[in-house]
Amino acid sequence: MRSPLALAAAFALSGVLAAGCASTEVAPDQIAAPKAKIAAAEEAGAKENPDASLHLKLANDQYDRATKMMKEGDGERAKRMLDRASVDAELALELARLDTTRGQANDAMKSIDQLRKEHRMLEE
């Protein structure tokens, strides 16, 4: 009977070997996912928020570089660049959503303040 540590080491080694033999081809979903996230960030208004806009630009630049890497046959680097593009696009999206949520919260607070003023006036 093998020890759990030996089994874990064997499993880890097989994972490393399998990763080393993996194809450097970039799967279509690895290409489409960052592009979809970039589109979602744009739709959420990332271009109007300076912080979100920066990450959106990074995502677009990284996506373009990944495309170039794929054309040059450098699939491994392209995959990593697509991952980076995806993360920056997600961050741009979340920053844009945060900006929208803050705006909505400010509008709600203004409405509450207005209602309080009206309520005080009615009590007087």
N, C-alpha and C. Protein backbone atom coordinates (compact mmCIF):
# COMPACT_ATOMS: atom_id res chain seq x y z
N MET A 1 0.85 -1.19 0.00
CA MET A 1 0.00 0.00 0.00
C MET A 1 0.89 1.24 0.00
N ARG A 2 0.59 2.17 -0.89
CA ARG A 2 1.39 3.38 -1.00
C ARG A 2 0.90 4.42 -0.01
N SER A 3 1.82 5.28 0.41
CA SER A 3 1.45 6.34 1.34
C SER A 3 0.71 7.44 0.58
N PRO A 4 -0.12 8.20 1.29
CA PRO A 4 -0.83 9.31 0.63
C PRO A 4 0.14 10.33 0.02
N LEU A 5 1.28 10.54 0.66
CA LEU A 5 2.26 11.49 0.15
C LEU A 5 2.84 10.99 -1.17
N ALA A 6 3.13 9.70 -1.26
CA ALA A 6 3.67 9.15 -2.50
C ALA A 6 2.64 9.23 -3.63
N LEU A 7 1.38 8.96 -3.30
CA LEU A 7 0.32 9.06 -4.30
C LEU A 7 0.16 10.50 -4.78
N ALA A 8 0.22 11.44 -3.85
CA ALA A 8 0.08 12.85 -4.22
C ALA A 8 1.24 13.28 -5.11
N ALA A 9 2.45 12.84 -4.79
CA ALA A 9 3.62 13.19 -5.60
C ALA A 9 3.50 12.59 -7.00
N ALA A 10 3.04 11.35 -7.08
CA ALA A 10 2.89 10.70 -8.38
C ALA A 10 1.82 11.42 -9.21
N PHE A 11 0.74 11.81 -8.56
CA PHE A 11 -0.32 12.53 -9.24
C PHE A 11 0.18 13.88 -9.75
N ALA A 12 0.92 14.59 -8.92
CA ALA A 12 1.46 15.89 -9.32
C ALA A 12 2.43 15.74 -10.49
N LEU A 13 3.27 14.73 -10.44
CA LEU A 13 4.23 14.49 -11.51
C LEU A 13 3.52 14.17 -12.82
N SER A 14 2.46 13.37 -12.74
CA SER A 14 1.72 13.04 -13.97
C SER A 14 1.05 14.28 -14.55
N GLY A 15 0.60 15.18 -13.69
CA GLY A 15 0.01 16.44 -14.15
C GLY A 15 1.03 17.31 -14.86
N VAL A 16 2.22 17.38 -14.31
CA VAL A 16 3.29 18.17 -14.93
C VAL A 16 3.67 17.58 -16.28
N LEU A 17 3.78 16.27 -16.34
CA LEU A 17 4.13 15.62 -17.60
C LEU A 17 3.03 15.82 -18.65
N ALA A 18 1.79 15.73 -18.22
CA ALA A 18 0.68 15.92 -19.15
C ALA A 18 0.66 17.35 -19.66
N ALA A 19 0.94 18.31 -18.78
CA ALA A 19 0.96 19.70 -19.20
C ALA A 19 2.09 19.96 -20.17
N GLY A 20 3.20 19.31 -19.96
CA GLY A 20 4.34 19.48 -20.87
C GLY A 20 4.07 18.93 -22.24
N CYS A 21 3.23 17.92 -22.34
CA CYS A 21 2.90 17.30 -23.62
C CYS A 21 1.66 17.93 -24.26
N ALA A 22 1.04 18.84 -23.57
CA ALA A 22 -0.19 19.44 -24.08
C ALA A 22 0.09 20.25 -25.34
N SER A 23 -0.92 20.33 -26.15
CA SER A 23 -0.81 21.07 -27.40
C SER A 23 -0.69 22.55 -27.12
N THR A 24 0.03 23.24 -28.01
CA THR A 24 0.14 24.68 -27.87
C THR A 24 -0.93 25.39 -28.68
N GLU A 25 -1.85 24.63 -29.27
CA GLU A 25 -2.96 25.22 -30.00
C GLU A 25 -3.87 25.95 -29.02
N VAL A 26 -4.39 27.08 -29.46
CA VAL A 26 -5.30 27.86 -28.64
C VAL A 26 -6.72 27.48 -29.02
N ALA A 27 -7.48 27.03 -28.04
CA ALA A 27 -8.87 26.61 -28.29
C ALA A 27 -9.74 27.82 -28.61
N PRO A 28 -10.76 27.61 -29.43
CA PRO A 28 -11.64 28.73 -29.79
C PRO A 28 -12.27 29.44 -28.59
N ASP A 29 -12.63 28.68 -27.55
CA ASP A 29 -13.23 29.32 -26.38
C ASP A 29 -12.22 30.18 -25.63
N GLN A 30 -10.92 29.84 -25.73
CA GLN A 30 -9.88 30.66 -25.10
C GLN A 30 -9.72 31.99 -25.84
N ILE A 31 -10.09 32.01 -27.09
CA ILE A 31 -10.02 33.24 -27.89
C ILE A 31 -11.29 34.05 -27.69
N ALA A 32 -12.42 33.38 -27.65
CA ALA A 32 -13.71 34.07 -27.57
C ALA A 32 -13.98 34.67 -26.19
N ALA A 33 -13.55 34.01 -25.13
CA ALA A 33 -13.88 34.47 -23.78
C ALA A 33 -13.37 35.88 -23.50
N PRO A 34 -12.09 36.18 -23.75
CA PRO A 34 -11.65 37.55 -23.47
C PRO A 34 -12.35 38.58 -24.34
N LYS A 35 -12.63 38.23 -25.59
CA LYS A 35 -13.31 39.17 -26.50
C LYS A 35 -14.72 39.47 -25.98
N ALA A 36 -15.40 38.46 -25.47
CA ALA A 36 -16.74 38.66 -24.91
C ALA A 36 -16.68 39.53 -23.66
N LYS A 37 -15.66 39.33 -22.84
CA LYS A 37 -15.51 40.14 -21.62
C LYS A 37 -15.18 41.59 -21.97
N ILE A 38 -14.39 41.78 -23.01
CA ILE A 38 -14.07 43.14 -23.47
C ILE A 38 -15.36 43.83 -23.93
N ALA A 39 -16.17 43.12 -24.70
CA ALA A 39 -17.44 43.68 -25.18
C ALA A 39 -18.37 44.01 -24.02
N ALA A 40 -18.41 43.14 -23.02
CA ALA A 40 -19.27 43.38 -21.85
C ALA A 40 -18.80 44.62 -21.09
N ALA A 41 -17.49 44.79 -20.97
CA ALA A 41 -16.95 45.96 -20.26
C ALA A 41 -17.29 47.23 -21.03
N GLU A 42 -17.17 47.18 -22.34
CA GLU A 42 -17.52 48.35 -23.16
C GLU A 42 -18.99 48.69 -23.01
N GLU A 43 -19.83 47.67 -23.03
CA GLU A 43 -21.27 47.88 -22.90
C GLU A 43 -21.64 48.43 -21.52
N ALA A 44 -20.86 48.07 -20.50
CA ALA A 44 -21.14 48.53 -19.14
C ALA A 44 -20.64 49.95 -18.91
N GLY A 45 -19.97 50.53 -19.90
CA GLY A 45 -19.52 51.91 -19.77
C GLY A 45 -18.09 52.07 -19.30
N ALA A 46 -17.27 51.08 -19.52
CA ALA A 46 -15.88 51.15 -19.05
C ALA A 46 -15.10 52.31 -19.67
N LYS A 47 -15.49 52.72 -20.87
CA LYS A 47 -14.77 53.81 -21.54
C LYS A 47 -14.98 55.15 -20.83
N GLU A 48 -16.07 55.28 -20.07
CA GLU A 48 -16.37 56.54 -19.39
C GLU A 48 -15.71 56.66 -18.02
N ASN A 49 -15.16 55.59 -17.52
CA ASN A 49 -14.51 55.58 -16.20
C ASN A 49 -13.00 55.49 -16.42
N PRO A 50 -12.22 56.44 -15.91
CA PRO A 50 -10.78 56.43 -16.19
C PRO A 50 -10.07 55.13 -15.79
N ASP A 51 -10.38 54.61 -14.61
CA ASP A 51 -9.71 53.37 -14.17
C ASP A 51 -10.14 52.18 -15.04
N ALA A 52 -11.43 52.09 -15.28
CA ALA A 52 -11.95 51.00 -16.11
C ALA A 52 -11.43 51.12 -17.53
N SER A 53 -11.35 52.34 -18.03
CA SER A 53 -10.86 52.58 -19.39
C SER A 53 -9.42 52.11 -19.55
N LEU A 54 -8.61 52.33 -18.54
CA LEU A 54 -7.21 51.87 -18.58
C LEU A 54 -7.14 50.35 -18.72
N HIS A 55 -7.92 49.65 -17.91
CA HIS A 55 -7.89 48.18 -17.96
C HIS A 55 -8.53 47.66 -19.24
N LEU A 56 -9.50 48.38 -19.76
CA LEU A 56 -10.09 48.00 -21.04
C LEU A 56 -9.05 48.12 -22.15
N LYS A 57 -8.28 49.19 -22.12
CA LYS A 57 -7.22 49.38 -23.12
C LYS A 57 -6.17 48.28 -23.00
N LEU A 58 -5.78 47.97 -21.77
CA LEU A 58 -4.82 46.87 -21.56
C LEU A 58 -5.37 45.57 -22.12
N ALA A 59 -6.64 45.28 -21.86
CA ALA A 59 -7.25 44.05 -22.34
C ALA A 59 -7.24 44.00 -23.86
N ASN A 60 -7.60 45.10 -24.50
CA ASN A 60 -7.59 45.15 -25.96
C ASN A 60 -6.18 44.96 -26.52
N ASP A 61 -5.21 45.64 -25.91
CA ASP A 61 -3.82 45.51 -26.36
C ASP A 61 -3.31 44.08 -26.21
N GLN A 62 -3.62 43.47 -25.07
CA GLN A 62 -3.18 42.10 -24.82
C GLN A 62 -3.86 41.13 -25.78
N TYR A 63 -5.12 41.36 -26.07
CA TYR A 63 -5.83 40.51 -27.02
C TYR A 63 -5.17 40.62 -28.40
N ASP A 64 -4.85 41.84 -28.81
CA ASP A 64 -4.19 42.04 -30.10
C ASP A 64 -2.82 41.35 -30.14
N ARG A 65 -2.08 41.46 -29.04
CA ARG A 65 -0.76 40.79 -28.99
C ARG A 65 -0.92 39.27 -29.05
N ALA A 66 -1.94 38.76 -28.36
CA ALA A 66 -2.18 37.31 -28.37
C ALA A 66 -2.52 36.84 -29.78
N THR A 67 -3.30 37.62 -30.49
CA THR A 67 -3.64 37.28 -31.87
C THR A 67 -2.39 37.21 -32.73
N LYS A 68 -1.52 38.17 -32.54
CA LYS A 68 -0.25 38.17 -33.28
C LYS A 68 0.60 36.95 -32.92
N MET A 69 0.66 36.62 -31.65
CA MET A 69 1.43 35.46 -31.20
C MET A 69 0.88 34.17 -31.80
N MET A 70 -0.44 34.07 -31.90
CA MET A 70 -1.05 32.87 -32.49
C MET A 70 -0.64 32.76 -33.96
N LYS A 71 -0.65 33.88 -34.67
CA LYS A 71 -0.26 33.87 -36.08
C LYS A 71 1.20 33.46 -36.24
N GLU A 72 2.02 33.81 -35.25
CA GLU A 72 3.43 33.46 -35.29
C GLU A 72 3.70 32.04 -34.78
N GLY A 73 2.65 31.34 -34.35
CA GLY A 73 2.80 29.97 -33.89
C GLY A 73 3.20 29.83 -32.44
N ASP A 74 3.11 30.91 -31.67
CA ASP A 74 3.49 30.87 -30.25
C ASP A 74 2.24 30.74 -29.38
N GLY A 75 1.65 29.56 -29.43
CA GLY A 75 0.40 29.31 -28.74
C GLY A 75 0.47 29.43 -27.23
N GLU A 76 1.56 28.98 -26.64
CA GLU A 76 1.69 29.05 -25.18
C GLU A 76 1.67 30.48 -24.68
N ARG A 77 2.47 31.34 -25.30
CA ARG A 77 2.49 32.75 -24.90
C ARG A 77 1.15 33.40 -25.21
N ALA A 78 0.54 33.01 -26.31
CA ALA A 78 -0.77 33.56 -26.67
C ALA A 78 -1.81 33.21 -25.61
N LYS A 79 -1.79 31.98 -25.12
CA LYS A 79 -2.73 31.57 -24.07
C LYS A 79 -2.56 32.43 -22.82
N ARG A 80 -1.32 32.64 -22.42
CA ARG A 80 -1.06 33.46 -21.24
C ARG A 80 -1.52 34.90 -21.47
N MET A 81 -1.28 35.42 -22.65
CA MET A 81 -1.69 36.79 -22.96
C MET A 81 -3.21 36.90 -23.00
N LEU A 82 -3.88 35.87 -23.51
CA LEU A 82 -5.35 35.86 -23.51
C LEU A 82 -5.89 35.82 -22.08
N ASP A 83 -5.21 35.08 -21.22
CA ASP A 83 -5.60 35.05 -19.80
C ASP A 83 -5.48 36.45 -19.20
N ARG A 84 -4.39 37.12 -19.49
CA ARG A 84 -4.20 38.48 -18.98
C ARG A 84 -5.28 39.42 -19.52
N ALA A 85 -5.58 39.29 -20.80
CA ALA A 85 -6.62 40.12 -21.41
C ALA A 85 -7.96 39.87 -20.74
N SER A 86 -8.23 38.62 -20.45
CA SER A 86 -9.49 38.26 -19.81
C SER A 86 -9.60 38.88 -18.41
N VAL A 87 -8.51 38.81 -17.65
CA VAL A 87 -8.51 39.37 -16.30
C VAL A 87 -8.67 40.88 -16.34
N ASP A 88 -7.95 41.56 -17.24
CA ASP A 88 -8.08 43.01 -17.33
C ASP A 88 -9.48 43.41 -17.79
N ALA A 89 -10.06 42.65 -18.70
CA ALA A 89 -11.43 42.94 -19.15
C ALA A 89 -12.42 42.77 -18.00
N GLU A 90 -12.24 41.72 -17.20
CA GLU A 90 -13.11 41.51 -16.04
C GLU A 90 -12.99 42.66 -15.06
N LEU A 91 -11.75 43.12 -14.84
CA LEU A 91 -11.54 44.23 -13.92
C LEU A 91 -12.19 45.50 -14.47
N ALA A 92 -12.05 45.75 -15.75
CA ALA A 92 -12.69 46.91 -16.37
C ALA A 92 -14.21 46.83 -16.20
N LEU A 93 -14.76 45.65 -16.41
CA LEU A 93 -16.20 45.45 -16.26
C LEU A 93 -16.65 45.75 -14.83
N GLU A 94 -15.93 45.20 -13.86
CA GLU A 94 -16.31 45.40 -12.46
C GLU A 94 -16.15 46.85 -12.03
N LEU A 95 -15.12 47.53 -12.52
CA LEU A 95 -14.96 48.95 -12.20
C LEU A 95 -16.08 49.77 -12.81
N ALA A 96 -16.49 49.44 -14.01
CA ALA A 96 -17.60 50.14 -14.64
C ALA A 96 -18.90 49.89 -13.88
N ARG A 97 -19.10 48.66 -13.47
CA ARG A 97 -20.31 48.33 -12.68
C ARG A 97 -20.30 49.08 -11.34
N LEU A 98 -19.14 49.14 -10.72
CA LEU A 98 -19.01 49.84 -9.45
C LEU A 98 -19.36 51.32 -9.63
N ASP A 99 -18.87 51.91 -10.71
CA ASP A 99 -19.16 53.30 -11.00
C ASP A 99 -20.66 53.51 -11.18
N THR A 100 -21.30 52.61 -11.90
CA THR A 100 -22.74 52.68 -12.11
C THR A 100 -23.49 52.54 -10.79
N THR A 101 -23.05 51.60 -9.98
CA THR A 101 -23.70 51.37 -8.69
C THR A 101 -23.54 52.58 -7.78
N ARG A 102 -22.38 53.18 -7.79
CA ARG A 102 -22.17 54.40 -6.98
C ARG A 102 -23.10 55.52 -7.46
N GLY A 103 -23.23 55.67 -8.75
CA GLY A 103 -24.14 56.69 -9.28
C GLY A 103 -25.56 56.44 -8.86
N GLN A 104 -25.99 55.18 -8.90
CA GLN A 104 -27.34 54.84 -8.49
C GLN A 104 -27.53 55.09 -6.99
N ALA A 105 -26.51 54.78 -6.21
CA ALA A 105 -26.58 55.01 -4.76
C ALA A 105 -26.67 56.51 -4.47
N ASN A 106 -25.89 57.31 -5.19
CA ASN A 106 -25.96 58.77 -5.01
C ASN A 106 -27.34 59.30 -5.38
N ASP A 107 -27.91 58.81 -6.48
CA ASP A 107 -29.25 59.23 -6.88
C ASP A 107 -30.28 58.84 -5.81
N ALA A 108 -30.14 57.65 -5.27
CA ALA A 108 -31.07 57.20 -4.23
C ALA A 108 -30.94 58.08 -2.98
N MET A 109 -29.72 58.43 -2.62
CA MET A 109 -29.51 59.29 -1.45
C MET A 109 -30.12 60.67 -1.68
N LYS A 110 -29.99 61.20 -2.88
CA LYS A 110 -30.60 62.49 -3.20
C LYS A 110 -32.12 62.41 -3.08
N SER A 111 -32.69 61.32 -3.55
CA SER A 111 -34.14 61.13 -3.44
C SER A 111 -34.58 61.04 -1.99
N ILE A 112 -33.82 60.33 -1.20
CA ILE A 112 -34.13 60.20 0.23
C ILE A 112 -34.06 61.56 0.91
N ASP A 113 -33.01 62.31 0.61
CA ASP A 113 -32.89 63.66 1.18
C ASP A 113 -34.07 64.54 0.79
N GLN A 114 -34.47 64.46 -0.46
CA GLN A 114 -35.62 65.25 -0.93
C GLN A 114 -36.89 64.85 -0.20
N LEU A 115 -37.09 63.55 -0.03
CA LEU A 115 -38.28 63.07 0.69
C LEU A 115 -38.26 63.52 2.15
N ARG A 116 -37.08 63.52 2.77
CA ARG A 116 -36.97 63.98 4.16
C ARG A 116 -37.34 65.46 4.26
N LYS A 117 -36.85 66.25 3.31
CA LYS A 117 -37.17 67.68 3.31
C LYS A 117 -38.66 67.89 3.18
N GLU A 118 -39.26 67.15 2.25
CA GLU A 118 -40.70 67.28 2.05
C GLU A 118 -41.47 66.84 3.29
N HIS A 119 -41.00 65.80 3.94
CA HIS A 119 -41.65 65.29 5.15
C HIS A 119 -41.57 66.33 6.26
N ARG A 120 -40.40 66.97 6.43
CA ARG A 120 -40.24 68.00 7.46
C ARG A 120 -41.16 69.17 7.19
N MET A 121 -41.28 69.55 5.92
CA MET A 121 -42.14 70.66 5.57
C MET A 121 -43.60 70.36 5.90
N LEU A 122 -44.00 69.13 5.69
CA LEU A 122 -45.37 68.73 5.99
C LEU A 122 -45.63 68.70 7.50
N GLU A 123 -44.62 68.38 8.28
CA GLU A 123 -44.77 68.33 9.73
C GLU A 123 -44.85 69.71 10.35
N GLU A 124 -44.32 70.72 9.67
CA GLU A 124 -44.28 72.07 10.25
C GLU A 124 -45.56 72.78 10.13
